[in-house]
C-alpha cells in the first residue's frame, strides 16, 4: 500500500511505477527539445 513517496531506490511497486513514469516522460520531453534545437540550428545555419 502507498504510504509516502520514496526513491533511490523505490521501496514499493507504486513508487517504482512513479519513477519509471518520470523517466519515460523526461525522455520524451528531452527528445522533443533536442529535435527542436536541431531544426532551429539547421534553419539558422542555412540563412
C-alpha atoms as a PDB file:
ATOM      1  CA  UNK A   1       0.000   0.000   0.000  1.00  0.00           C
ATOM      2  CA  UNK A   2       1.159   3.519  -0.795  1.00  0.00           C
ATOM      3  CA  UNK A   3       2.224   5.468   2.300  1.00  0.00           C
ATOM      4  CA  UNK A   4       4.630   8.138   1.077  1.00  0.00           C
ATOM      5  CA  UNK A   5       6.803   8.971  -1.911  1.00  0.00           C
ATOM      6  CA  UNK A   6      10.300   7.482  -1.760  1.00  0.00           C
ATOM      7  CA  UNK A   7      13.045   6.925  -4.314  1.00  0.00           C
ATOM      8  CA  UNK A   8      16.648   5.839  -4.810  1.00  0.00           C
ATOM      9  CA  UNK A   9      15.699   3.047  -4.817  1.00  0.00           C
ATOM     10  CA  UNK A  10      11.899   2.932  -4.775  1.00  0.00           C
ATOM     11  CA  UNK A  11      10.792   0.752  -1.871  1.00  0.00           C
ATOM     12  CA  UNK A  12       7.421  -0.420  -3.173  1.00  0.00           C
ATOM     13  CA  UNK A  13       5.717  -1.120  -6.511  1.00  0.00           C
ATOM     14  CA  UNK A  14       3.781   2.164  -6.570  1.00  0.00           C
ATOM     15  CA  UNK A  15       6.931   4.262  -6.188  1.00  0.00           C
ATOM     16  CA  UNK A  16       8.723   2.103  -8.764  1.00  0.00           C
ATOM     17  CA  UNK A  17       5.935   2.801 -11.271  1.00  0.00           C
ATOM     18  CA  UNK A  18       6.131   6.528 -10.480  1.00  0.00           C
ATOM     19  CA  UNK A  19       9.889   6.520 -11.041  1.00  0.00           C
ATOM     20  CA  UNK A  20       9.512   4.657 -14.332  1.00  0.00           C
ATOM     21  CA  UNK A  21       6.841   7.111 -15.460  1.00  0.00           C
ATOM     22  CA  UNK A  22       9.049  10.090 -14.632  1.00  0.00           C
ATOM     23  CA  UNK A  23      11.963   8.581 -16.560  1.00  0.00           C
ATOM     24  CA  UNK A  24       9.852   7.864 -19.635  1.00  0.00           C
ATOM     25  CA  UNK A  25       8.245  11.309 -19.509  1.00  0.00           C
ATOM     26  CA  UNK A  26      11.595  13.075 -19.221  1.00  0.00           C
ATOM     27  CA  UNK A  27      12.967  11.096 -22.183  1.00  0.00           C
ATOM     28  CA  UNK A  28      10.015  12.184 -24.331  1.00  0.00           C
ATOM     29  CA  UNK A  29      10.355  15.826 -23.290  1.00  0.00           C
ATOM     30  CA  UNK A  30      14.127  15.911 -23.858  1.00  0.00           C
ATOM     31  CA  UNK A  31      13.629  14.196 -27.222  1.00  0.00           C
ATOM     32  CA  UNK A  32      11.284  16.978 -28.328  1.00  0.00           C
ATOM     33  CA  UNK A  33      13.718  19.621 -27.076  1.00  0.00           C
ATOM     34  CA  UNK A  34      16.626  18.022 -28.964  1.00  0.00           C
ATOM     35  CA  UNK A  35      14.524  17.792 -32.124  1.00  0.00           C
ATOM     36  CA  UNK A  36      13.510  21.451 -31.844  1.00  0.00           C
ATOM     37  CA  UNK A  37      17.095  22.600 -31.233  1.00  0.00           C
ATOM     38  CA  UNK A  38      18.371  20.616 -34.227  1.00  0.00           C
ATOM     39  CA  UNK A  39      15.724  22.077 -36.527  1.00  0.00           C
ATOM     40  CA  UNK A  40      16.444  25.575 -35.209  1.00  0.00           C
ATOM     41  CA  UNK A  41      20.171  25.050 -35.809  1.00  0.00           C
ATOM     42  CA  UNK A  42      19.532  23.846 -39.378  1.00  0.00           C
ATOM     43  CA  UNK A  43      17.303  26.849 -40.051  1.00  0.00           C
ATOM     44  CA  UNK A  44      19.787  29.355 -38.648  1.00  0.00           C
ATOM     45  CA  UNK A  45      22.778  27.800 -40.405  1.00  0.00           C
ATOM     46  CA  UNK A  46      21.000  27.761 -43.784  1.00  0.00           C
ATOM     47  CA  UNK A  47      20.332  31.517 -43.822  1.00  0.00           C
END
